Amino acid sequence: MGITCTYQPEGQINSATSGYVRAVERAGGLPLLIPLLQEACQEELFTCLDGIILGGGGDIGSFYFDEEPHPGQGRVFPPLDEQEMSLGQRALEMEVPLLGICRGMQVLNVAMGGTLYQDLPGQYPGCLQHFQNMPRNYPVHTVYFKEDSMLSSVTYQKKLQVNSFHHQAVKEVAPRAVATAVSSDEVVEAIEVKDHVFAMGVQWHPEAMEDSASELIFRKLLRSCRKGKYKTAGEEG
């Protein structure tokens, strides 16, 4: 399972929090970190990956969805945006299971032609606090699942208490996707791609949570990777 890294240009550092790695391990997968790569190396990635997680990180440049920068837009690093959008598009084309987390959900939406709020406090009056001032494993607000969503089916829940660490968010959902969860202020908290084995984005960080529903998301991702290739007798699809 490939997990994208964030990138710090000053120190030329690729990194990912251990939560992603542990979540994949607990679900029965082998985590492989994806650093910032040359384009030629990106072409080879899917020869050794059964699935991909687009992880969290910084802001996405507004020029990718044809908007001028809002004063609240944070720091942008275009090479990382371009790599992750390319990985997302290829995963969709090749029917590779894909999970976008926080920034990763936003990347997935923009890669398919959707747009973002560049800064929720500055562009969405009356929104909740979506960047919590407490530890990562603490739930801070509720998300409500669409009844016929994969998310609801996988977690056996209609709503979930989640953590929250973002100030950008999905504005217009991409044509190929559908919003499958919202918070009480109607901010989109999850999207799913139509007609794909498993392509989902969640705005919270399930890898940092300690509830069974979050773990079930990763287990479904891994089962989708094995389906038709590694599936064993009696295993659910």
C-alpha atoms as a PDB file:
ATOM      1  CA  MET A   1       0.000   0.000   0.000  1.00  0.00           C
ATOM      2  CA  GLY A   2       1.589   3.263  -1.115  1.00  0.00           C
ATOM      3  CA  ILE A   3       1.347   6.272   1.238  1.00  0.00           C
ATOM      4  CA  THR A   4       2.266   9.714  -0.069  1.00  0.00           C
ATOM      5  CA  CYS A   5       4.690  11.841   1.926  1.00  0.00           C
ATOM      6  CA  THR A   6       4.642  15.546   2.610  1.00  0.00           C
ATOM      7  CA  TYR A   7       7.690  17.514   1.454  1.00  0.00           C
ATOM      8  CA  GLN A   8       9.661  20.307   3.117  1.00  0.00           C
ATOM      9  CA  PRO A   9      11.621  22.170   0.393  1.00  0.00           C
ATOM     10  CA  GLU A  10      14.066  23.889   2.819  1.00  0.00           C
ATOM     11  CA  GLY A  11      15.449  20.660   4.205  1.00  0.00           C
ATOM     12  CA  GLN A  12      14.452  18.508   1.207  1.00  0.00           C
ATOM     13  CA  ILE A  13      12.642  16.241   3.677  1.00  0.00           C
ATOM     14  CA  ASN A  14       9.987  13.684   2.748  1.00  0.00           C
ATOM     15  CA  SER A  15       7.893  12.548   5.718  1.00  0.00           C
ATOM     16  CA  ALA A  16       4.688  10.837   6.825  1.00  0.00           C
ATOM     17  CA  THR A  17       3.290  10.392  10.316  1.00  0.00           C
ATOM     18  CA  SER A  18       3.483   6.905  11.782  1.00  0.00           C
ATOM     19  CA  GLY A  19      -0.319   6.779  12.076  1.00  0.00           C
ATOM     20  CA  TYR A  20      -0.683   5.974   8.361  1.00  0.00           C
ATOM     21  CA  VAL A  21       1.873   3.186   8.590  1.00  0.00           C
ATOM     22  CA  ARG A  22       0.308   1.625  11.678  1.00  0.00           C
ATOM     23  CA  ALA A  23      -3.225   1.828  10.241  1.00  0.00           C
ATOM     24  CA  VAL A  24      -2.161  -0.084   7.120  1.00  0.00           C
ATOM     25  CA  GLU A  25      -0.278  -2.657   9.207  1.00  0.00           C
ATOM     26  CA  ARG A  26      -3.278  -3.223  11.481  1.00  0.00           C
ATOM     27  CA  ALA A  27      -5.480  -3.750   8.429  1.00  0.00           C
ATOM     28  CA  GLY A  28      -3.102  -6.438   7.133  1.00  0.00           C
ATOM     29  CA  GLY A  29      -1.147  -4.484   4.519  1.00  0.00           C
ATOM     30  CA  LEU A  30       2.473  -3.618   3.839  1.00  0.00           C
ATOM     31  CA  PRO A  31       2.962   0.186   3.912  1.00  0.00           C
ATOM     32  CA  LEU A  32       5.376   1.767   1.428  1.00  0.00           C
ATOM     33  CA  LEU A  33       6.111   5.501   1.618  1.00  0.00           C
ATOM     34  CA  ILE A  34       6.048   7.514  -1.616  1.00  0.00           C
ATOM     35  CA  PRO A  35       8.484  10.464  -1.623  1.00  0.00           C
ATOM     36  CA  LEU A  36       8.544  13.306  -4.144  1.00  0.00           C
ATOM     37  CA  LEU A  37       9.681  11.582  -7.341  1.00  0.00           C
ATOM     38  CA  GLN A  38      10.874  12.391 -10.816  1.00  0.00           C
ATOM     39  CA  GLU A  39       8.143  11.833 -13.407  1.00  0.00           C
ATOM     40  CA  ALA A  40       9.915   8.798 -14.873  1.00  0.00           C
ATOM     41  CA  CYS A  41       9.813   7.065 -11.468  1.00  0.00           C
ATOM     42  CA  GLN A  42       6.139   7.906 -11.013  1.00  0.00           C
ATOM     43  CA  GLU A  43       5.420   5.853 -14.123  1.00  0.00           C
ATOM     44  CA  GLU A  44       6.815   2.740 -12.417  1.00  0.00           C
ATOM     45  CA  LEU A  45       4.974   3.067  -9.104  1.00  0.00           C
ATOM     46  CA  PHE A  46       1.863   1.138 -10.019  1.00  0.00           C
ATOM     47  CA  THR A  47       3.881  -1.902 -11.028  1.00  0.00           C
ATOM     48  CA  CYS A  48       4.539  -2.525  -7.313  1.00  0.00           C
ATOM     49  CA  LEU A  49       1.478  -1.026  -5.577  1.00  0.00           C
ATOM     50  CA  ASP A  50      -1.926  -2.627  -5.016  1.00  0.00           C
ATOM     51  CA  GLY A  51      -3.458   0.547  -3.567  1.00  0.00           C
ATOM     52  CA  ILE A  52      -2.631   4.111  -2.601  1.00  0.00           C
ATOM     53  CA  ILE A  53      -3.318   6.534   0.240  1.00  0.00           C
ATOM     54  CA  LEU A  54      -3.097  10.250  -0.511  1.00  0.00           C
ATOM     55  CA  GLY A  55      -2.196  11.641   2.895  1.00  0.00           C
ATOM     56  CA  GLY A  56      -2.535  14.971   4.660  1.00  0.00           C
ATOM     57  CA  GLY A  57      -0.371  18.039   4.269  1.00  0.00           C
ATOM     58  CA  GLY A  58      -0.365  21.677   3.180  1.00  0.00           C
ATOM     59  CA  ASP A  59      -2.582  23.752   0.923  1.00  0.00           C
ATOM     60  CA  ILE A  60      -3.350  23.105  -2.745  1.00  0.00           C
ATOM     61  CA  GLY A  61      -2.699  25.925  -5.211  1.00  0.00           C
ATOM     62  CA  SER A  62      -5.849  27.740  -6.333  1.00  0.00           C
ATOM     63  CA  PHE A  63      -4.611  27.831  -9.932  1.00  0.00           C
ATOM     64  CA  TYR A  64      -5.350  24.101 -10.176  1.00  0.00           C
ATOM     65  CA  PHE A  65      -9.053  24.920 -10.003  1.00  0.00           C
ATOM     66  CA  ASP A  66      -8.934  28.241 -11.894  1.00  0.00           C
ATOM     67  CA  GLU A  67      -9.250  30.661  -8.967  1.00  0.00           C
ATOM     68  CA  GLU A  68      -7.182  33.635  -7.861  1.00  0.00           C
ATOM     69  CA  PRO A  69      -5.480  33.125  -4.475  1.00  0.00           C
ATOM     70  CA  HIS A  70      -7.498  34.094  -1.408  1.00  0.00           C
ATOM     71  CA  PRO A  71      -5.581  35.972   1.345  1.00  0.00           C
ATOM     72  CA  GLY A  72      -6.164  32.985   3.625  1.00  0.00           C
ATOM     73  CA  GLN A  73      -4.531  30.477   1.309  1.00  0.00           C
ATOM     74  CA  GLY A  74      -1.459  28.984   2.961  1.00  0.00           C
ATOM     75  CA  ARG A  75       1.862  27.907   1.553  1.00  0.00           C
ATOM     76  CA  VAL A  76       1.707  25.918  -1.693  1.00  0.00           C
ATOM     77  CA  PHE A  77       4.311  23.578  -3.212  1.00  0.00           C
ATOM     78  CA  PRO A  78       3.270  22.891  -6.844  1.00  0.00           C
ATOM     79  CA  PRO A  79       5.567  19.876  -7.535  1.00  0.00           C
ATOM     80  CA  LEU A  80       3.870  17.905  -4.735  1.00  0.00           C
ATOM     81  CA  ASP A  81       0.400  18.976  -5.893  1.00  0.00           C
ATOM     82  CA  GLU A  82       1.209  17.843  -9.435  1.00  0.00           C
ATOM     83  CA  GLN A  83       2.590  14.479  -8.330  1.00  0.00           C
ATOM     84  CA  GLU A  84      -0.340  13.658  -6.074  1.00  0.00           C
ATOM     85  CA  MET A  85      -2.960  14.705  -8.619  1.00  0.00           C
ATOM     86  CA  SER A  86      -1.192  12.597 -11.229  1.00  0.00           C
ATOM     87  CA  LEU A  87      -1.135   9.598  -8.869  1.00  0.00           C
ATOM     88  CA  GLY A  88      -4.826  10.058  -8.115  1.00  0.00           C
ATOM     89  CA  GLN A  89      -5.750  10.273 -11.795  1.00  0.00           C
ATOM     90  CA  ARG A  90      -3.744   7.161 -12.642  1.00  0.00           C
ATOM     91  CA  ALA A  91      -5.266   5.214  -9.768  1.00  0.00           C
ATOM     92  CA  LEU A  92      -8.724   6.088 -11.069  1.00  0.00           C
ATOM     93  CA  GLU A  93      -7.832   5.148 -14.646  1.00  0.00           C
ATOM     94  CA  MET A  94      -6.291   1.833 -13.596  1.00  0.00           C
ATOM     95  CA  GLU A  95      -9.022   0.917 -11.065  1.00  0.00           C
ATOM     96  CA  VAL A  96      -6.461   0.903  -8.244  1.00  0.00           C
ATOM     97  CA  PRO A  97      -8.072   1.261  -4.779  1.00  0.00           C
ATOM     98  CA  LEU A  98      -7.540   4.757  -3.419  1.00  0.00           C
ATOM     99  CA  LEU A  99      -8.146   6.537  -0.110  1.00  0.00           C
ATOM    100  CA  GLY A 100      -7.667  10.293   0.215  1.00  0.00           C
ATOM    101  CA  ILE A 101      -7.239  11.633   3.755  1.00  0.00           C
ATOM    102  CA  CYS A 102      -7.711  15.337   4.605  1.00  0.00           C
ATOM    103  CA  ARG A 103      -5.564  17.115   1.971  1.00  0.00           C
ATOM    104  CA  GLY A 104      -5.687  13.813   0.061  1.00  0.00           C
ATOM    105  CA  MET A 105      -9.465  14.105  -0.307  1.00  0.00           C
ATOM    106  CA  GLN A 106      -9.045  17.644  -1.594  1.00  0.00           C
ATOM    107  CA  VAL A 107      -6.357  16.511  -4.061  1.00  0.00           C
ATOM    108  CA  LEU A 108      -8.661  13.764  -5.336  1.00  0.00           C
ATOM    109  CA  ASN A 109     -11.532  16.214  -5.814  1.00  0.00           C
ATOM    110  CA  VAL A 110      -9.398  18.764  -7.684  1.00  0.00           C
ATOM    111  CA  ALA A 111      -7.791  16.035  -9.827  1.00  0.00           C
ATOM    112  CA  MET A 112     -11.290  15.132 -11.050  1.00  0.00           C
ATOM    113  CA  GLY A 113     -12.324  18.727 -11.797  1.00  0.00           C
ATOM    114  CA  GLY A 114     -13.786  19.866  -8.452  1.00  0.00           C
ATOM    115  CA  THR A 115     -13.013  23.045  -6.505  1.00  0.00           C
ATOM    116  CA  LEU A 116     -12.063  24.009  -2.948  1.00  0.00           C
ATOM    117  CA  TYR A 117     -12.688  26.623  -0.337  1.00  0.00           C
ATOM    118  CA  GLN A 118      -9.189  28.062  -0.007  1.00  0.00           C
ATOM    119  CA  ASP A 119      -9.845  29.182   3.577  1.00  0.00           C
ATOM    120  CA  LEU A 120     -12.993  28.139   5.443  1.00  0.00           C
ATOM    121  CA  PRO A 121     -12.963  30.895   8.112  1.00  0.00           C
ATOM    122  CA  GLY A 122     -12.588  33.544   5.402  1.00  0.00           C
ATOM    123  CA  GLN A 123     -14.974  32.076   2.813  1.00  0.00           C
ATOM    124  CA  TYR A 124     -17.608  30.089   4.732  1.00  0.00           C
ATOM    125  CA  PRO A 125     -19.385  32.280   7.317  1.00  0.00           C
ATOM    126  CA  GLY A 126     -20.727  30.367  10.294  1.00  0.00           C
ATOM    127  CA  CYS A 127     -18.544  27.296   9.843  1.00  0.00           C
ATOM    128  CA  LEU A 128     -17.431  25.168  12.767  1.00  0.00           C
ATOM    129  CA  GLN A 129     -13.886  25.128  14.066  1.00  0.00           C
ATOM    130  CA  HIS A 130     -12.332  22.653  11.646  1.00  0.00           C
ATOM    131  CA  PHE A 131      -8.779  22.870  12.990  1.00  0.00           C
ATOM    132  CA  GLN A 132      -8.883  21.547  16.533  1.00  0.00           C
ATOM    133  CA  ASN A 133      -6.713  22.662  19.437  1.00  0.00           C
ATOM    134  CA  MET A 134      -6.414  19.261  21.104  1.00  0.00           C
ATOM    135  CA  PRO A 135      -4.575  15.954  20.503  1.00  0.00           C
ATOM    136  CA  ARG A 136      -4.995  14.219  17.136  1.00  0.00           C
ATOM    137  CA  ASN A 137      -6.876  11.219  18.503  1.00  0.00           C
ATOM    138  CA  TYR A 138      -9.633  13.317  20.113  1.00  0.00           C
ATOM    139  CA  PRO A 139     -12.968  13.604  18.264  1.00  0.00           C
ATOM    140  CA  VAL A 140     -14.107  17.229  18.000  1.00  0.00           C
ATOM    141  CA  HIS A 141     -17.276  17.239  15.865  1.00  0.00           C
ATOM    142  CA  THR A 142     -19.812  14.946  14.212  1.00  0.00           C
ATOM    143  CA  VAL A 143     -20.047  13.922  10.556  1.00  0.00           C
ATOM    144  CA  TYR A 144     -23.285  12.565   9.113  1.00  0.00           C
ATOM    145  CA  PHE A 145     -23.162   9.802   6.492  1.00  0.00           C
ATOM    146  CA  LYS A 146     -25.384   9.449   3.446  1.00  0.00           C
ATOM    147  CA  GLU A 147     -27.448   6.289   3.970  1.00  0.00           C
ATOM    148  CA  ASP A 148     -26.593   4.544   0.688  1.00  0.00           C
ATOM    149  CA  SER A 149     -22.869   5.361   0.841  1.00  0.00           C
ATOM    150  CA  MET A 150     -19.997   2.911   0.932  1.00  0.00           C
ATOM    151  CA  LEU A 151     -18.797   4.784   4.011  1.00  0.00           C
ATOM    152  CA  SER A 152     -21.981   3.970   5.917  1.00  0.00           C
ATOM    153  CA  SER A 153     -21.927   0.385   4.664  1.00  0.00           C
ATOM    154  CA  VAL A 154     -18.288  -0.147   5.655  1.00  0.00           C
ATOM    155  CA  THR A 155     -18.474   1.423   9.124  1.00  0.00           C
ATOM    156  CA  TYR A 156     -22.039   0.310  10.018  1.00  0.00           C
ATOM    157  CA  GLN A 157     -22.644   3.890  11.162  1.00  0.00           C
ATOM    158  CA  LYS A 158     -24.958   6.766  10.241  1.00  0.00           C
ATOM    159  CA  LYS A 159     -22.761   9.342  11.939  1.00  0.00           C
ATOM    160  CA  LEU A 160     -19.331   9.477  13.536  1.00  0.00           C
ATOM    161  CA  GLN A 161     -17.371  11.681  15.911  1.00  0.00           C
ATOM    162  CA  VAL A 162     -14.136  12.682  14.159  1.00  0.00           C
ATOM    163  CA  ASN A 163     -11.010  14.769  14.560  1.00  0.00           C
ATOM    164  CA  SER A 164     -10.438  17.803  12.317  1.00  0.00           C
ATOM    165  CA  PHE A 165      -7.250  19.474  11.051  1.00  0.00           C
ATOM    166  CA  HIS A 166      -8.020  21.515   7.935  1.00  0.00           C
ATOM    167  CA  HIS A 167      -8.846  25.030   6.798  1.00  0.00           C
ATOM    168  CA  GLN A 168      -9.388  24.165   3.131  1.00  0.00           C
ATOM    169  CA  ALA A 169     -12.377  22.035   2.100  1.00  0.00           C
ATOM    170  CA  VAL A 170     -14.299  20.730  -0.897  1.00  0.00           C
ATOM    171  CA  LYS A 171     -16.559  23.415  -2.412  1.00  0.00           C
ATOM    172  CA  GLU A 172     -17.865  21.992  -5.702  1.00  0.00           C
ATOM    173  CA  VAL A 173     -17.763  18.198  -5.768  1.00  0.00           C
ATOM    174  CA  ALA A 174     -16.157  16.834  -8.949  1.00  0.00           C
ATOM    175  CA  PRO A 175     -18.643  15.515 -11.542  1.00  0.00           C
ATOM    176  CA  ARG A 176     -17.417  11.936 -11.188  1.00  0.00           C
ATOM    177  CA  ALA A 177     -17.823  11.963  -7.390  1.00  0.00           C
ATOM    178  CA  VAL A 178     -20.603  12.351  -4.841  1.00  0.00           C
ATOM    179  CA  ALA A 179     -20.567  13.847  -1.336  1.00  0.00           C
ATOM    180  CA  THR A 180     -21.289  11.077   1.168  1.00  0.00           C
ATOM    181  CA  ALA A 181     -20.787  12.848   4.510  1.00  0.00           C
ATOM    182  CA  VAL A 182     -21.171  16.378   5.865  1.00  0.00           C
ATOM    183  CA  SER A 183     -20.665  18.115   9.184  1.00  0.00           C
ATOM    184  CA  SER A 184     -23.476  20.048  10.885  1.00  0.00           C
ATOM    185  CA  ASP A 185     -22.407  23.225   9.046  1.00  0.00           C
ATOM    186  CA  GLU A 186     -22.792  21.345   5.715  1.00  0.00           C
ATOM    187  CA  VAL A 187     -19.057  21.280   4.954  1.00  0.00           C
ATOM    188  CA  VAL A 188     -18.319  18.193   2.813  1.00  0.00           C
ATOM    189  CA  GLU A 189     -16.563  15.587   4.967  1.00  0.00           C
ATOM    190  CA  ALA A 190     -16.370  12.635   2.553  1.00  0.00           C
ATOM    191  CA  ILE A 191     -16.598  11.940  -1.173  1.00  0.00           C
ATOM    192  CA  GLU A 192     -16.827   8.706  -3.138  1.00  0.00           C
ATOM    193  CA  VAL A 193     -16.029   8.140  -6.801  1.00  0.00           C
ATOM    194  CA  LYS A 194     -18.771   6.583  -8.876  1.00  0.00           C
ATOM    195  CA  ASP A 195     -18.176   3.255 -10.632  1.00  0.00           C
ATOM    196  CA  HIS A 196     -14.837   2.469  -8.984  1.00  0.00           C
ATOM    197  CA  VAL A 197     -13.869  -0.539  -6.869  1.00  0.00           C
ATOM    198  CA  PHE A 198     -12.815   1.747  -3.974  1.00  0.00           C
ATOM    199  CA  ALA A 199     -12.047   5.455  -4.350  1.00  0.00           C
ATOM    200  CA  MET A 200     -12.992   7.463  -1.290  1.00  0.00           C
ATOM    201  CA  GLY A 201     -11.901  10.668   0.388  1.00  0.00           C
ATOM    202  CA  VAL A 202     -12.443  11.588   4.046  1.00  0.00           C
ATOM    203  CA  GLN A 203     -11.735  15.031   5.475  1.00  0.00           C
ATOM    204  CA  TRP A 204     -10.762  13.799   8.934  1.00  0.00           C
ATOM    205  CA  HIS A 205      -7.755  11.656   9.939  1.00  0.00           C
ATOM    206  CA  PRO A 206      -8.988   8.090  10.614  1.00  0.00           C
ATOM    207  CA  GLU A 207      -5.406   6.854  10.980  1.00  0.00           C
ATOM    208  CA  ALA A 208      -5.148   8.936  14.178  1.00  0.00           C
ATOM    209  CA  MET A 209      -8.468   7.843  15.667  1.00  0.00           C
ATOM    210  CA  GLU A 210      -8.925   4.903  18.024  1.00  0.00           C
ATOM    211  CA  ASP A 211     -12.474   3.797  17.122  1.00  0.00           C
ATOM    212  CA  SER A 212     -13.491   0.650  15.261  1.00  0.00           C
ATOM    213  CA  ALA A 213     -15.231   2.566  12.450  1.00  0.00           C
ATOM    214  CA  SER A 214     -11.972   4.234  11.416  1.00  0.00           C
ATOM    215  CA  GLU A 215     -10.164   0.896  11.397  1.00  0.00           C
ATOM    216  CA  LEU A 216     -12.905  -0.603   9.207  1.00  0.00           C
ATOM    217  CA  ILE A 217     -12.203   1.995   6.507  1.00  0.00           C
ATOM    218  CA  PHE A 218      -8.630   0.741   6.190  1.00  0.00           C
ATOM    219  CA  ARG A 219      -9.739  -2.890   6.264  1.00  0.00           C
ATOM    220  CA  LYS A 220     -12.155  -2.239   3.392  1.00  0.00           C
ATOM    221  CA  LEU A 221      -9.365  -0.517   1.454  1.00  0.00           C
ATOM    222  CA  LEU A 222      -7.109  -3.551   1.881  1.00  0.00           C
ATOM    223  CA  ARG A 223      -9.891  -5.996   0.959  1.00  0.00           C
ATOM    224  CA  SER A 224     -10.504  -3.998  -2.201  1.00  0.00           C
ATOM    225  CA  CYS A 225      -6.808  -4.343  -3.083  1.00  0.00           C
ATOM    226  CA  ARG A 226      -6.952  -8.120  -2.639  1.00  0.00           C
ATOM    227  CA  LYS A 227     -10.279  -8.634  -4.393  1.00  0.00           C
ATOM    228  CA  GLY A 228      -9.779 -10.740  -7.492  1.00  0.00           C
ATOM    229  CA  LYS A 229      -6.041 -10.997  -6.846  1.00  0.00           C
ATOM    230  CA  TYR A 230      -5.416 -12.052  -3.265  1.00  0.00           C
ATOM    231  CA  LYS A 231      -8.931 -12.840  -2.054  1.00  0.00           C
ATOM    232  CA  THR A 232      -9.133 -16.020  -0.013  1.00  0.00           C
ATOM    233  CA  ALA A 233     -12.069 -18.386   0.261  1.00  0.00           C
ATOM    234  CA  GLY A 234     -14.789 -17.067   2.513  1.00  0.00           C
ATOM    235  CA  GLU A 235     -13.446 -13.506   2.654  1.00  0.00           C
ATOM    236  CA  GLU A 236     -15.993 -10.765   2.155  1.00  0.00           C
ATOM    237  CA  GLY A 237     -15.689  -8.491  -0.861  1.00  0.00           C
END
